[in-house]
Amino acid sequence: MNTPSQKRDQPAAQVGYRIDFYKHYGHSPAWQLVPEAMTYLEESGFAGRGPPPLPEFTDSCVVAIDEDGKAIGFLTYGCDGESWFITLSYVVPERRRKHIHTTLFYALRDKAIEQGNVVSIDCFTHANNLAAQAAFEAQGRTKESIRYTYSLKDSGAGKEPQPRGRSFEETPMPEYLVERFDTGSDSLKFMQAFINKKAAEGYALHQAIERSTYQWVLIFKRADQA
């Protein structure tokens, strides 16, 4: 069902998915894929120094949704000024190389053209993410700059730079954890108890998204990475 913050743009039944726009990504099926996307970027070495930041709750998004109503790819973006900025993009592994990312980008491009006052759509990607760079250039985007950095300490930790990568034995806990929670009609005390329980398991609350009067989506981050 469409909501006032959602615009259905390009039904794509012929390829098994449709394209929908949402004003806030937290109100879309994309929220379920965001932690997976963040973990993928970090484990692939595409996050730079430290864990990648989550998109802002107020970021809009365009989502590819399959016939079962599940998100299979998305772009989150800020659209407050004349230049829109893509903050995060992701397609699930089993649906890659099927032009879903390009379809999402072109849908966003067409929306910007329709609005009339947008001068560019910008984004960043890691220097080692060659597949993303090739895809961007194939979509007609222009590489305008390359950023160099010399790391003296790990970001925010005050430590010497650590080797990239990790072993499975070193990361038994996922970086992000997404939980649905129903507070009921009484109060938020049960939510606080749930948050305390997750804290005991080593997770800190990163973001709380209100989906309806009593229903929330809680995004936790490992406390040692918060």
N, C-alpha and C. Protein backbone atom coordinates (compact mmCIF):
# COMPACT_ATOMS: atom_id res chain seq x y z
N MET A 1 0.84 -1.19 0.00
CA MET A 1 0.00 0.00 0.00
C MET A 1 0.87 1.24 0.00
N ASN A 2 0.56 2.21 -0.84
CA ASN A 2 1.32 3.44 -0.89
C ASN A 2 0.93 4.36 0.25
N THR A 3 1.87 5.12 0.76
CA THR A 3 1.63 6.12 1.79
C THR A 3 1.91 7.47 1.19
N PRO A 4 1.55 8.59 1.88
CA PRO A 4 1.84 9.92 1.34
C PRO A 4 3.31 10.16 1.10
N SER A 5 4.18 9.46 1.85
CA SER A 5 5.62 9.68 1.69
C SER A 5 6.23 8.78 0.64
N GLN A 6 5.42 8.00 -0.03
CA GLN A 6 5.91 7.00 -0.97
C GLN A 6 5.38 7.29 -2.36
N LYS A 7 6.25 7.17 -3.35
CA LYS A 7 5.83 7.38 -4.74
C LYS A 7 6.23 6.16 -5.54
N ARG A 8 5.25 5.48 -6.13
CA ARG A 8 5.55 4.36 -6.99
C ARG A 8 5.92 4.90 -8.37
N ASP A 9 7.07 4.50 -8.87
CA ASP A 9 7.59 5.15 -10.08
C ASP A 9 7.60 4.21 -11.27
N GLN A 10 8.25 3.05 -11.12
CA GLN A 10 8.47 2.20 -12.29
C GLN A 10 8.13 0.74 -11.98
N PRO A 11 6.89 0.32 -12.16
CA PRO A 11 6.62 -1.11 -12.02
C PRO A 11 7.50 -1.87 -12.99
N ALA A 12 8.11 -2.94 -12.52
CA ALA A 12 9.03 -3.70 -13.36
C ALA A 12 8.69 -5.18 -13.30
N ALA A 13 7.42 -5.50 -13.58
CA ALA A 13 6.96 -6.87 -13.46
C ALA A 13 7.73 -7.80 -14.39
N GLN A 14 8.19 -7.23 -15.50
CA GLN A 14 8.88 -8.08 -16.46
C GLN A 14 10.19 -8.61 -15.92
N VAL A 15 10.75 -7.99 -14.88
CA VAL A 15 12.00 -8.47 -14.31
C VAL A 15 11.81 -8.90 -12.86
N GLY A 16 10.57 -8.97 -12.39
CA GLY A 16 10.30 -9.52 -11.08
C GLY A 16 10.45 -8.56 -9.93
N TYR A 17 10.46 -7.25 -10.17
CA TYR A 17 10.51 -6.29 -9.07
C TYR A 17 9.93 -4.96 -9.54
N ARG A 18 9.64 -4.11 -8.56
CA ARG A 18 9.14 -2.77 -8.86
C ARG A 18 10.04 -1.76 -8.16
N ILE A 19 9.94 -0.50 -8.54
CA ILE A 19 10.73 0.58 -7.97
C ILE A 19 9.79 1.53 -7.23
N ASP A 20 10.06 1.76 -5.93
CA ASP A 20 9.25 2.68 -5.13
C ASP A 20 10.15 3.73 -4.48
N PHE A 21 9.60 4.93 -4.30
CA PHE A 21 10.28 6.01 -3.58
C PHE A 21 9.65 6.19 -2.20
N TYR A 22 10.47 6.51 -1.21
CA TYR A 22 10.00 6.79 0.15
C TYR A 22 10.68 8.05 0.66
N LYS A 23 9.94 8.85 1.40
CA LYS A 23 10.49 10.08 1.96
C LYS A 23 11.56 9.80 3.00
N HIS A 24 11.33 8.77 3.86
CA HIS A 24 12.29 8.37 4.88
C HIS A 24 12.57 6.89 4.74
N TYR A 25 13.86 6.52 4.69
CA TYR A 25 14.18 5.10 4.46
C TYR A 25 13.67 4.21 5.58
N GLY A 26 13.53 4.76 6.81
CA GLY A 26 13.04 3.96 7.93
C GLY A 26 11.60 3.52 7.76
N HIS A 27 10.86 4.14 6.86
CA HIS A 27 9.48 3.77 6.60
C HIS A 27 9.35 2.88 5.36
N SER A 28 10.46 2.36 4.89
CA SER A 28 10.46 1.55 3.68
C SER A 28 11.01 0.16 3.99
N PRO A 29 10.83 -0.78 3.06
CA PRO A 29 11.44 -2.10 3.26
C PRO A 29 12.96 -2.06 3.29
N ALA A 30 13.55 -0.96 2.87
CA ALA A 30 15.02 -0.87 2.80
C ALA A 30 15.68 -0.94 4.16
N TRP A 31 14.96 -0.55 5.24
CA TRP A 31 15.60 -0.53 6.56
C TRP A 31 16.14 -1.90 6.93
N GLN A 32 15.51 -2.97 6.44
CA GLN A 32 15.97 -4.31 6.77
C GLN A 32 17.31 -4.64 6.13
N LEU A 33 17.65 -3.96 5.02
CA LEU A 33 18.90 -4.24 4.32
C LEU A 33 20.04 -3.33 4.75
N VAL A 34 19.73 -2.22 5.44
CA VAL A 34 20.78 -1.26 5.77
C VAL A 34 21.90 -1.87 6.62
N PRO A 35 21.60 -2.59 7.72
CA PRO A 35 22.70 -3.20 8.48
C PRO A 35 23.52 -4.19 7.66
N GLU A 36 22.85 -4.95 6.79
CA GLU A 36 23.56 -5.89 5.91
C GLU A 36 24.50 -5.14 4.99
N ALA A 37 24.04 -4.00 4.48
CA ALA A 37 24.88 -3.19 3.59
C ALA A 37 26.09 -2.64 4.33
N MET A 38 25.90 -2.17 5.57
CA MET A 38 27.00 -1.62 6.35
C MET A 38 28.05 -2.69 6.64
N THR A 39 27.58 -3.89 7.00
CA THR A 39 28.51 -4.99 7.28
C THR A 39 29.28 -5.38 6.03
N TYR A 40 28.58 -5.41 4.89
CA TYR A 40 29.25 -5.74 3.62
C TYR A 40 30.35 -4.74 3.30
N LEU A 41 30.09 -3.45 3.47
CA LEU A 41 31.09 -2.44 3.17
C LEU A 41 32.31 -2.59 4.07
N GLU A 42 32.07 -2.86 5.35
CA GLU A 42 33.19 -2.98 6.28
C GLU A 42 34.01 -4.24 6.01
N GLU A 43 33.33 -5.38 5.83
CA GLU A 43 34.04 -6.63 5.63
C GLU A 43 34.74 -6.69 4.28
N SER A 44 34.27 -5.89 3.32
CA SER A 44 34.91 -5.84 2.00
C SER A 44 36.07 -4.86 1.98
N GLY A 45 36.26 -4.12 3.05
CA GLY A 45 37.33 -3.13 3.11
C GLY A 45 36.99 -1.83 2.41
N PHE A 46 35.69 -1.57 2.18
CA PHE A 46 35.26 -0.38 1.46
C PHE A 46 34.75 0.72 2.39
N ALA A 47 34.96 0.56 3.69
CA ALA A 47 34.40 1.52 4.64
C ALA A 47 35.41 2.59 5.05
N GLY A 48 36.68 2.44 4.64
CA GLY A 48 37.68 3.39 5.09
C GLY A 48 38.06 3.13 6.53
N ARG A 49 38.41 4.18 7.26
CA ARG A 49 38.81 4.02 8.66
C ARG A 49 37.57 3.97 9.56
N GLY A 50 37.45 2.89 10.30
CA GLY A 50 36.32 2.74 11.22
C GLY A 50 35.07 2.27 10.51
N PRO A 51 34.05 1.89 11.28
CA PRO A 51 32.79 1.42 10.69
C PRO A 51 32.11 2.52 9.90
N PRO A 52 31.42 2.19 8.81
CA PRO A 52 30.71 3.22 8.04
C PRO A 52 29.52 3.74 8.82
N PRO A 53 29.20 5.03 8.69
CA PRO A 53 28.03 5.58 9.40
C PRO A 53 26.73 5.16 8.73
N LEU A 54 25.71 4.95 9.53
CA LEU A 54 24.38 4.67 9.00
C LEU A 54 23.82 5.93 8.33
N PRO A 55 22.97 5.75 7.32
CA PRO A 55 22.29 6.92 6.75
C PRO A 55 21.46 7.62 7.82
N GLU A 56 21.25 8.91 7.66
CA GLU A 56 20.37 9.64 8.56
C GLU A 56 18.93 9.15 8.37
N PHE A 57 18.15 9.15 9.47
CA PHE A 57 16.77 8.70 9.39
C PHE A 57 15.97 9.53 8.39
N THR A 58 16.35 10.81 8.25
CA THR A 58 15.62 11.70 7.35
C THR A 58 16.01 11.52 5.89
N ASP A 59 17.00 10.67 5.60
CA ASP A 59 17.37 10.41 4.20
C ASP A 59 16.21 9.76 3.47
N SER A 60 15.98 10.19 2.24
CA SER A 60 14.98 9.55 1.40
C SER A 60 15.60 8.31 0.76
N CYS A 61 14.78 7.51 0.09
CA CYS A 61 15.33 6.33 -0.57
C CYS A 61 14.47 5.91 -1.75
N VAL A 62 15.11 5.21 -2.66
CA VAL A 62 14.43 4.54 -3.76
C VAL A 62 14.77 3.06 -3.64
N VAL A 63 13.76 2.20 -3.72
CA VAL A 63 13.91 0.80 -3.36
C VAL A 63 13.41 -0.10 -4.48
N ALA A 64 14.16 -1.18 -4.75
CA ALA A 64 13.68 -2.25 -5.63
C ALA A 64 13.04 -3.30 -4.74
N ILE A 65 11.78 -3.63 -5.01
CA ILE A 65 11.00 -4.53 -4.16
C ILE A 65 10.53 -5.71 -5.00
N ASP A 66 10.79 -6.92 -4.51
CA ASP A 66 10.43 -8.11 -5.29
C ASP A 66 8.94 -8.44 -5.14
N GLU A 67 8.53 -9.53 -5.75
CA GLU A 67 7.11 -9.89 -5.78
C GLU A 67 6.58 -10.27 -4.41
N ASP A 68 7.48 -10.60 -3.47
CA ASP A 68 7.07 -10.93 -2.10
C ASP A 68 7.06 -9.73 -1.17
N GLY A 69 7.35 -8.54 -1.72
CA GLY A 69 7.36 -7.33 -0.91
C GLY A 69 8.65 -7.08 -0.17
N LYS A 70 9.71 -7.81 -0.51
CA LYS A 70 10.99 -7.65 0.16
C LYS A 70 11.92 -6.77 -0.66
N ALA A 71 12.70 -5.94 0.03
CA ALA A 71 13.68 -5.09 -0.65
C ALA A 71 14.83 -5.95 -1.14
N ILE A 72 15.24 -5.73 -2.39
CA ILE A 72 16.39 -6.45 -2.94
C ILE A 72 17.51 -5.48 -3.33
N GLY A 73 17.25 -4.19 -3.21
CA GLY A 73 18.25 -3.17 -3.48
C GLY A 73 17.69 -1.80 -3.16
N PHE A 74 18.59 -0.84 -2.89
CA PHE A 74 18.12 0.49 -2.55
C PHE A 74 19.23 1.51 -2.73
N LEU A 75 18.82 2.77 -2.84
CA LEU A 75 19.71 3.93 -2.73
C LEU A 75 19.10 4.86 -1.69
N THR A 76 19.86 5.26 -0.68
CA THR A 76 19.41 6.33 0.21
C THR A 76 20.10 7.61 -0.22
N TYR A 77 19.40 8.73 -0.06
CA TYR A 77 19.96 9.98 -0.57
C TYR A 77 19.39 11.17 0.19
N GLY A 78 20.17 12.23 0.23
CA GLY A 78 19.70 13.51 0.74
C GLY A 78 19.31 14.40 -0.41
N CYS A 79 18.19 15.09 -0.28
CA CYS A 79 17.69 15.89 -1.41
C CYS A 79 17.22 17.26 -0.95
N ASP A 80 17.97 17.86 -0.03
CA ASP A 80 17.56 19.15 0.52
C ASP A 80 17.99 20.34 -0.34
N GLY A 81 19.06 20.19 -1.13
CA GLY A 81 19.56 21.32 -1.90
C GLY A 81 19.50 21.09 -3.39
N GLU A 82 20.28 21.86 -4.12
CA GLU A 82 20.33 21.73 -5.58
C GLU A 82 21.13 20.51 -6.01
N SER A 83 22.03 20.03 -5.14
CA SER A 83 22.78 18.81 -5.43
C SER A 83 22.32 17.71 -4.49
N TRP A 84 21.80 16.63 -5.04
CA TRP A 84 21.41 15.48 -4.22
C TRP A 84 22.64 14.61 -3.99
N PHE A 85 22.68 13.95 -2.83
CA PHE A 85 23.85 13.15 -2.48
C PHE A 85 23.41 11.75 -2.07
N ILE A 86 23.93 10.74 -2.78
CA ILE A 86 23.62 9.34 -2.45
C ILE A 86 24.47 8.95 -1.25
N THR A 87 23.83 8.58 -0.15
CA THR A 87 24.55 8.25 1.08
C THR A 87 24.88 6.77 1.19
N LEU A 88 24.08 5.91 0.57
CA LEU A 88 24.33 4.46 0.64
C LEU A 88 23.58 3.78 -0.49
N SER A 89 24.23 2.80 -1.10
CA SER A 89 23.57 1.99 -2.13
C SER A 89 23.94 0.53 -1.93
N TYR A 90 22.99 -0.36 -2.24
CA TYR A 90 23.23 -1.78 -1.99
C TYR A 90 22.23 -2.61 -2.77
N VAL A 91 22.71 -3.76 -3.28
CA VAL A 91 21.86 -4.77 -3.90
C VAL A 91 22.24 -6.10 -3.28
N VAL A 92 21.26 -6.92 -2.94
CA VAL A 92 21.55 -8.20 -2.30
C VAL A 92 22.40 -9.06 -3.24
N PRO A 93 23.31 -9.87 -2.69
CA PRO A 93 24.27 -10.61 -3.55
C PRO A 93 23.63 -11.45 -4.64
N GLU A 94 22.52 -12.13 -4.32
CA GLU A 94 21.92 -13.04 -5.31
C GLU A 94 21.23 -12.32 -6.45
N ARG A 95 21.08 -10.98 -6.37
CA ARG A 95 20.41 -10.24 -7.44
C ARG A 95 21.34 -9.24 -8.12
N ARG A 96 22.63 -9.38 -7.91
CA ARG A 96 23.58 -8.47 -8.55
C ARG A 96 23.80 -8.86 -10.01
N ARG A 97 24.40 -7.94 -10.76
CA ARG A 97 24.67 -8.11 -12.19
C ARG A 97 23.39 -8.31 -13.00
N LYS A 98 22.29 -7.74 -12.52
CA LYS A 98 21.02 -7.80 -13.23
C LYS A 98 20.46 -6.38 -13.44
N HIS A 99 21.36 -5.39 -13.38
CA HIS A 99 21.03 -4.00 -13.68
C HIS A 99 20.08 -3.35 -12.67
N ILE A 100 19.94 -3.93 -11.49
CA ILE A 100 19.05 -3.35 -10.49
C ILE A 100 19.59 -2.02 -10.00
N HIS A 101 20.89 -1.95 -9.73
CA HIS A 101 21.48 -0.70 -9.26
C HIS A 101 21.32 0.39 -10.30
N THR A 102 21.54 0.07 -11.56
CA THR A 102 21.38 1.06 -12.63
C THR A 102 19.93 1.52 -12.74
N THR A 103 18.99 0.59 -12.62
CA THR A 103 17.58 0.95 -12.66
C THR A 103 17.23 1.90 -11.52
N LEU A 104 17.77 1.63 -10.33
CA LEU A 104 17.54 2.52 -9.19
C LEU A 104 18.11 3.91 -9.46
N PHE A 105 19.34 3.95 -9.97
CA PHE A 105 19.96 5.25 -10.22
C PHE A 105 19.20 6.04 -11.28
N TYR A 106 18.80 5.37 -12.35
CA TYR A 106 18.07 6.08 -13.40
C TYR A 106 16.71 6.58 -12.90
N ALA A 107 16.07 5.81 -12.01
CA ALA A 107 14.81 6.27 -11.42
C ALA A 107 15.04 7.54 -10.60
N LEU A 108 16.15 7.55 -9.85
CA LEU A 108 16.48 8.75 -9.07
C LEU A 108 16.81 9.92 -9.99
N ARG A 109 17.57 9.65 -11.05
CA ARG A 109 17.90 10.70 -12.02
C ARG A 109 16.63 11.30 -12.62
N ASP A 110 15.68 10.44 -13.02
CA ASP A 110 14.45 10.93 -13.63
C ASP A 110 13.64 11.77 -12.65
N LYS A 111 13.66 11.35 -11.37
CA LYS A 111 12.93 12.13 -10.36
C LYS A 111 13.56 13.51 -10.19
N ALA A 112 14.90 13.57 -10.22
CA ALA A 112 15.59 14.85 -10.09
C ALA A 112 15.31 15.74 -11.30
N ILE A 113 15.30 15.16 -12.49
CA ILE A 113 14.99 15.93 -13.69
C ILE A 113 13.56 16.47 -13.63
N GLU A 114 12.65 15.63 -13.16
CA GLU A 114 11.25 16.03 -13.05
C GLU A 114 11.10 17.20 -12.07
N GLN A 115 11.88 17.20 -11.00
CA GLN A 115 11.78 18.29 -10.02
C GLN A 115 12.25 19.61 -10.63
N GLY A 116 13.26 19.57 -11.49
CA GLY A 116 13.60 20.73 -12.29
C GLY A 116 14.73 21.61 -11.79
N ASN A 117 15.00 21.63 -10.47
CA ASN A 117 16.01 22.55 -9.94
C ASN A 117 17.26 21.83 -9.43
N VAL A 118 17.40 20.55 -9.72
CA VAL A 118 18.54 19.76 -9.24
C VAL A 118 19.66 19.85 -10.27
N VAL A 119 20.86 20.25 -9.83
CA VAL A 119 21.96 20.43 -10.77
C VAL A 119 22.88 19.22 -10.86
N SER A 120 22.90 18.34 -9.83
CA SER A 120 23.76 17.16 -9.88
C SER A 120 23.31 16.14 -8.84
N ILE A 121 23.72 14.89 -9.08
CA ILE A 121 23.55 13.80 -8.11
C ILE A 121 24.95 13.28 -7.81
N ASP A 122 25.38 13.40 -6.57
CA ASP A 122 26.76 13.10 -6.21
C ASP A 122 26.84 11.90 -5.27
N CYS A 123 28.03 11.32 -5.16
CA CYS A 123 28.26 10.21 -4.23
C CYS A 123 29.76 10.04 -4.04
N PHE A 124 30.13 9.25 -3.04
CA PHE A 124 31.51 8.84 -2.82
C PHE A 124 31.57 7.33 -2.91
N THR A 125 32.75 6.79 -3.20
CA THR A 125 32.98 5.36 -3.04
C THR A 125 34.45 5.15 -2.70
N HIS A 126 34.76 3.99 -2.15
CA HIS A 126 36.13 3.70 -1.76
C HIS A 126 37.01 3.52 -2.99
N ALA A 127 38.28 3.91 -2.87
CA ALA A 127 39.21 3.80 -4.00
C ALA A 127 39.37 2.36 -4.48
N ASN A 128 39.21 1.37 -3.58
CA ASN A 128 39.37 -0.02 -3.97
C ASN A 128 38.09 -0.65 -4.50
N ASN A 129 36.99 0.07 -4.45
CA ASN A 129 35.72 -0.49 -4.91
C ASN A 129 35.62 -0.29 -6.42
N LEU A 130 36.39 -1.06 -7.15
CA LEU A 130 36.49 -0.89 -8.60
C LEU A 130 35.19 -1.25 -9.31
N ALA A 131 34.47 -2.23 -8.78
CA ALA A 131 33.20 -2.62 -9.41
C ALA A 131 32.21 -1.47 -9.35
N ALA A 132 32.15 -0.78 -8.21
CA ALA A 132 31.24 0.36 -8.09
C ALA A 132 31.66 1.47 -9.04
N GLN A 133 32.96 1.74 -9.13
CA GLN A 133 33.44 2.80 -10.02
C GLN A 133 33.08 2.50 -11.47
N ALA A 134 33.24 1.25 -11.87
CA ALA A 134 32.90 0.87 -13.25
C ALA A 134 31.40 1.04 -13.51
N ALA A 135 30.60 0.65 -12.50
CA ALA A 135 29.15 0.78 -12.66
C ALA A 135 28.74 2.25 -12.75
N PHE A 136 29.35 3.09 -11.91
CA PHE A 136 29.01 4.51 -11.93
C PHE A 136 29.33 5.14 -13.29
N GLU A 137 30.50 4.81 -13.84
CA GLU A 137 30.89 5.40 -15.12
C GLU A 137 30.02 4.88 -16.25
N ALA A 138 29.60 3.60 -16.15
CA ALA A 138 28.70 3.05 -17.17
C ALA A 138 27.34 3.73 -17.13
N GLN A 139 26.96 4.25 -15.96
CA GLN A 139 25.68 4.95 -15.82
C GLN A 139 25.76 6.40 -16.29
N GLY A 140 26.98 6.84 -16.69
CA GLY A 140 27.14 8.20 -17.18
C GLY A 140 27.62 9.18 -16.15
N ARG A 141 28.00 8.71 -14.97
CA ARG A 141 28.53 9.60 -13.94
C ARG A 141 29.98 9.95 -14.25
N THR A 142 30.42 11.11 -13.80
CA THR A 142 31.76 11.60 -14.08
C THR A 142 32.59 11.61 -12.80
N LYS A 143 33.80 11.05 -12.87
CA LYS A 143 34.72 11.10 -11.74
C LYS A 143 35.36 12.48 -11.69
N GLU A 144 35.11 13.21 -10.59
CA GLU A 144 35.57 14.59 -10.50
C GLU A 144 36.77 14.77 -9.59
N SER A 145 37.00 13.85 -8.65
CA SER A 145 38.13 14.00 -7.74
C SER A 145 38.48 12.67 -7.12
N ILE A 146 39.73 12.57 -6.63
CA ILE A 146 40.20 11.41 -5.88
C ILE A 146 40.79 11.93 -4.58
N ARG A 147 40.40 11.34 -3.47
CA ARG A 147 40.85 11.80 -2.16
C ARG A 147 41.95 10.88 -1.63
N TYR A 148 43.02 11.48 -1.12
CA TYR A 148 44.11 10.72 -0.51
C TYR A 148 44.15 11.03 0.99
N THR A 149 44.53 10.04 1.80
CA THR A 149 44.70 10.26 3.23
C THR A 149 45.87 9.43 3.73
N TYR A 150 46.51 9.91 4.78
CA TYR A 150 47.61 9.20 5.43
C TYR A 150 47.19 8.99 6.88
N SER A 151 46.86 7.76 7.24
CA SER A 151 46.34 7.46 8.57
C SER A 151 47.46 7.42 9.60
N LEU A 152 47.34 8.23 10.63
CA LEU A 152 48.28 8.21 11.75
C LEU A 152 47.73 7.43 12.93
N LYS A 153 46.43 7.46 13.11
CA LYS A 153 45.77 6.71 14.17
C LYS A 153 44.43 6.22 13.67
N ASP A 154 43.92 5.15 14.28
CA ASP A 154 42.56 4.72 13.96
C ASP A 154 41.58 5.81 14.35
N SER A 155 40.58 6.05 13.53
CA SER A 155 39.64 7.12 13.76
C SER A 155 38.94 6.97 15.10
N GLY A 156 39.06 7.98 15.94
CA GLY A 156 38.34 8.04 17.20
C GLY A 156 38.86 7.12 18.28
N ALA A 157 39.83 6.26 17.99
CA ALA A 157 40.27 5.28 18.98
C ALA A 157 41.58 5.66 19.64
N GLY A 158 42.37 6.55 19.00
CA GLY A 158 43.64 6.94 19.57
C GLY A 158 44.67 5.84 19.56
N LYS A 159 44.58 4.93 18.59
CA LYS A 159 45.50 3.81 18.50
C LYS A 159 46.27 3.87 17.19
N GLU A 160 47.35 3.11 17.14
CA GLU A 160 48.08 3.00 15.88
C GLU A 160 47.20 2.29 14.86
N PRO A 161 47.36 2.59 13.57
CA PRO A 161 46.55 1.92 12.55
C PRO A 161 46.67 0.41 12.63
N GLN A 162 45.52 -0.26 12.52
CA GLN A 162 45.48 -1.72 12.59
C GLN A 162 45.36 -2.30 11.19
N PRO A 163 45.82 -3.53 10.97
CA PRO A 163 45.69 -4.16 9.65
C PRO A 163 44.24 -4.29 9.25
N ARG A 164 44.01 -4.13 7.95
CA ARG A 164 42.66 -4.29 7.43
C ARG A 164 42.26 -5.76 7.47
N GLY A 165 40.93 -5.97 7.50
CA GLY A 165 40.44 -7.35 7.44
C GLY A 165 40.27 -7.94 8.82
N ARG A 166 39.65 -9.10 8.89
CA ARG A 166 39.39 -9.77 10.15
C ARG A 166 39.15 -11.25 9.89
N SER A 167 39.35 -12.06 10.88
CA SER A 167 39.07 -13.48 10.76
C SER A 167 37.70 -13.76 11.33
N PHE A 168 37.09 -14.89 10.95
CA PHE A 168 35.78 -15.22 11.46
C PHE A 168 35.82 -15.44 12.97
N GLU A 169 36.97 -15.95 13.48
CA GLU A 169 37.08 -16.18 14.90
C GLU A 169 37.06 -14.88 15.69
N GLU A 170 37.50 -13.77 15.06
CA GLU A 170 37.57 -12.50 15.75
C GLU A 170 36.23 -11.78 15.80
N THR A 171 35.26 -12.18 14.99
CA THR A 171 34.00 -11.44 14.91
C THR A 171 32.80 -12.38 15.05
N PRO A 172 32.60 -12.95 16.22
CA PRO A 172 31.45 -13.83 16.39
C PRO A 172 30.14 -13.05 16.42
N MET A 173 30.21 -11.75 16.72
CA MET A 173 29.00 -10.93 16.78
C MET A 173 28.89 -10.06 15.54
N PRO A 174 27.69 -9.94 14.96
CA PRO A 174 27.53 -9.04 13.82
C PRO A 174 27.71 -7.60 14.25
N GLU A 175 28.12 -6.74 13.30
CA GLU A 175 28.35 -5.33 13.60
C GLU A 175 27.06 -4.62 13.99
N TYR A 176 25.98 -4.90 13.25
CA TYR A 176 24.69 -4.28 13.52
C TYR A 176 23.64 -5.35 13.78
N LEU A 177 22.66 -5.01 14.58
CA LEU A 177 21.57 -5.92 14.92
C LEU A 177 20.27 -5.14 14.82
N VAL A 178 19.31 -5.67 14.07
CA VAL A 178 18.02 -4.99 13.89
C VAL A 178 16.94 -5.81 14.56
N GLU A 179 16.16 -5.16 15.43
CA GLU A 179 15.11 -5.84 16.18
C GLU A 179 13.81 -5.05 16.04
N ARG A 180 12.71 -5.76 15.80
CA ARG A 180 11.40 -5.12 15.85
C ARG A 180 10.90 -5.19 17.30
N PHE A 181 10.18 -4.15 17.73
CA PHE A 181 9.71 -4.12 19.12
C PHE A 181 8.35 -3.46 19.19
N ASP A 182 7.43 -4.09 19.92
CA ASP A 182 6.10 -3.55 20.16
C ASP A 182 6.01 -3.16 21.63
N THR A 183 5.86 -1.86 21.91
CA THR A 183 5.86 -1.39 23.30
C THR A 183 4.55 -1.65 24.01
N GLY A 184 3.47 -1.93 23.26
CA GLY A 184 2.17 -2.02 23.90
C GLY A 184 1.62 -0.64 24.22
N SER A 185 0.49 -0.58 24.85
CA SER A 185 -0.19 0.70 25.07
C SER A 185 0.14 1.36 26.40
N ASP A 186 0.94 0.72 27.26
CA ASP A 186 1.19 1.26 28.60
C ASP A 186 2.27 2.32 28.61
N SER A 187 3.50 1.95 28.28
CA SER A 187 4.62 2.89 28.36
C SER A 187 5.79 2.33 27.59
N LEU A 188 6.89 3.07 27.65
CA LEU A 188 8.11 2.63 26.98
C LEU A 188 9.04 1.86 27.91
N LYS A 189 8.56 1.53 29.11
CA LYS A 189 9.45 0.88 30.07
C LYS A 189 9.89 -0.50 29.59
N PHE A 190 9.03 -1.18 28.85
CA PHE A 190 9.41 -2.50 28.35
C PHE A 190 10.50 -2.38 27.29
N MET A 191 10.45 -1.30 26.50
CA MET A 191 11.50 -1.07 25.52
C MET A 191 12.83 -0.83 26.22
N GLN A 192 12.80 -0.04 27.29
CA GLN A 192 14.05 0.22 28.02
C GLN A 192 14.62 -1.06 28.60
N ALA A 193 13.76 -1.94 29.09
CA ALA A 193 14.23 -3.22 29.62
C ALA A 193 14.86 -4.06 28.51
N PHE A 194 14.26 -3.99 27.32
CA PHE A 194 14.81 -4.73 26.18
C PHE A 194 16.17 -4.17 25.78
N ILE A 195 16.27 -2.82 25.78
CA ILE A 195 17.55 -2.18 25.46
C ILE A 195 18.62 -2.57 26.47
N ASN A 196 18.23 -2.62 27.76
CA ASN A 196 19.17 -3.03 28.80
C ASN A 196 19.63 -4.47 28.60
N LYS A 197 18.70 -5.34 28.17
CA LYS A 197 19.05 -6.73 27.91
C LYS A 197 20.08 -6.82 26.79
N LYS A 198 19.89 -6.04 25.71
CA LYS A 198 20.84 -6.04 24.61
C LYS A 198 22.18 -5.47 25.04
N ALA A 199 22.16 -4.49 25.95
CA ALA A 199 23.41 -3.94 26.46
C ALA A 199 24.21 -5.00 27.18
N ALA A 200 23.50 -5.87 27.92
CA ALA A 200 24.18 -6.96 28.62
C ALA A 200 24.79 -7.97 27.64
N GLU A 201 24.22 -8.01 26.43
CA GLU A 201 24.74 -8.92 25.40
C GLU A 201 25.86 -8.28 24.58
N GLY A 202 26.17 -7.00 24.88
CA GLY A 202 27.27 -6.33 24.20
C GLY A 202 26.86 -5.39 23.10
N TYR A 203 25.57 -4.98 23.06
CA TYR A 203 25.09 -4.08 22.02
C TYR A 203 24.60 -2.77 22.62
N ALA A 204 24.88 -1.67 21.92
CA ALA A 204 24.39 -0.35 22.31
C ALA A 204 23.36 0.11 21.29
N LEU A 205 22.32 0.80 21.75
CA LEU A 205 21.29 1.30 20.84
C LEU A 205 21.89 2.36 19.93
N HIS A 206 21.74 2.16 18.62
CA HIS A 206 22.27 3.11 17.64
C HIS A 206 21.17 4.02 17.10
N GLN A 207 20.00 3.45 16.86
CA GLN A 207 18.91 4.24 16.28
C GLN A 207 17.59 3.57 16.59
N ALA A 208 16.57 4.37 16.90
CA ALA A 208 15.21 3.87 17.13
C ALA A 208 14.30 4.51 16.10
N ILE A 209 13.59 3.69 15.34
CA ILE A 209 12.72 4.17 14.27
C ILE A 209 11.28 3.81 14.62
N GLU A 210 10.43 4.82 14.74
CA GLU A 210 9.02 4.60 15.06
C GLU A 210 8.26 4.30 13.77
N ARG A 211 7.69 3.10 13.69
CA ARG A 211 6.98 2.69 12.48
C ARG A 211 5.47 2.90 12.62
N SER A 212 4.96 2.88 13.84
CA SER A 212 3.56 3.20 14.10
C SER A 212 3.47 3.60 15.57
N THR A 213 2.25 3.73 16.11
CA THR A 213 2.09 4.25 17.47
C THR A 213 2.88 3.45 18.49
N TYR A 214 2.83 2.12 18.40
CA TYR A 214 3.49 1.29 19.39
C TYR A 214 4.59 0.41 18.81
N GLN A 215 4.79 0.45 17.52
CA GLN A 215 5.76 -0.44 16.89
C GLN A 215 7.02 0.32 16.50
N TRP A 216 8.15 -0.24 16.87
CA TRP A 216 9.45 0.39 16.64
C TRP A 216 10.38 -0.59 15.97
N VAL A 217 11.39 -0.03 15.30
CA VAL A 217 12.53 -0.80 14.82
C VAL A 217 13.75 -0.26 15.56
N LEU A 218 14.45 -1.13 16.27
CA LEU A 218 15.63 -0.74 17.03
C LEU A 218 16.87 -1.27 16.34
N ILE A 219 17.80 -0.39 16.03
CA ILE A 219 19.05 -0.77 15.41
C ILE A 219 20.16 -0.66 16.46
N PHE A 220 20.79 -1.80 16.76
CA PHE A 220 21.86 -1.84 17.74
C PHE A 220 23.21 -1.98 17.05
N LYS A 221 24.24 -1.49 17.71
CA LYS A 221 25.59 -1.59 17.22
C LYS A 221 26.44 -2.21 18.32
N ARG A 222 27.41 -3.03 17.94
CA ARG A 222 28.27 -3.63 18.94
C ARG A 222 28.87 -2.54 19.83
N ALA A 223 28.79 -2.73 21.15
CA ALA A 223 29.23 -1.70 22.08
C ALA A 223 30.70 -1.38 21.92
N ASP A 224 31.51 -2.34 21.52
CA ASP A 224 32.94 -2.08 21.36
C ASP A 224 33.24 -1.30 20.10
N GLN A 225 32.22 -1.09 19.24
CA GLN A 225 32.40 -0.29 18.02
C GLN A 225 31.60 1.00 18.08
N ALA A 226 30.84 1.19 19.15
CA ALA A 226 29.96 2.38 19.23
C ALA A 226 30.78 3.63 19.48
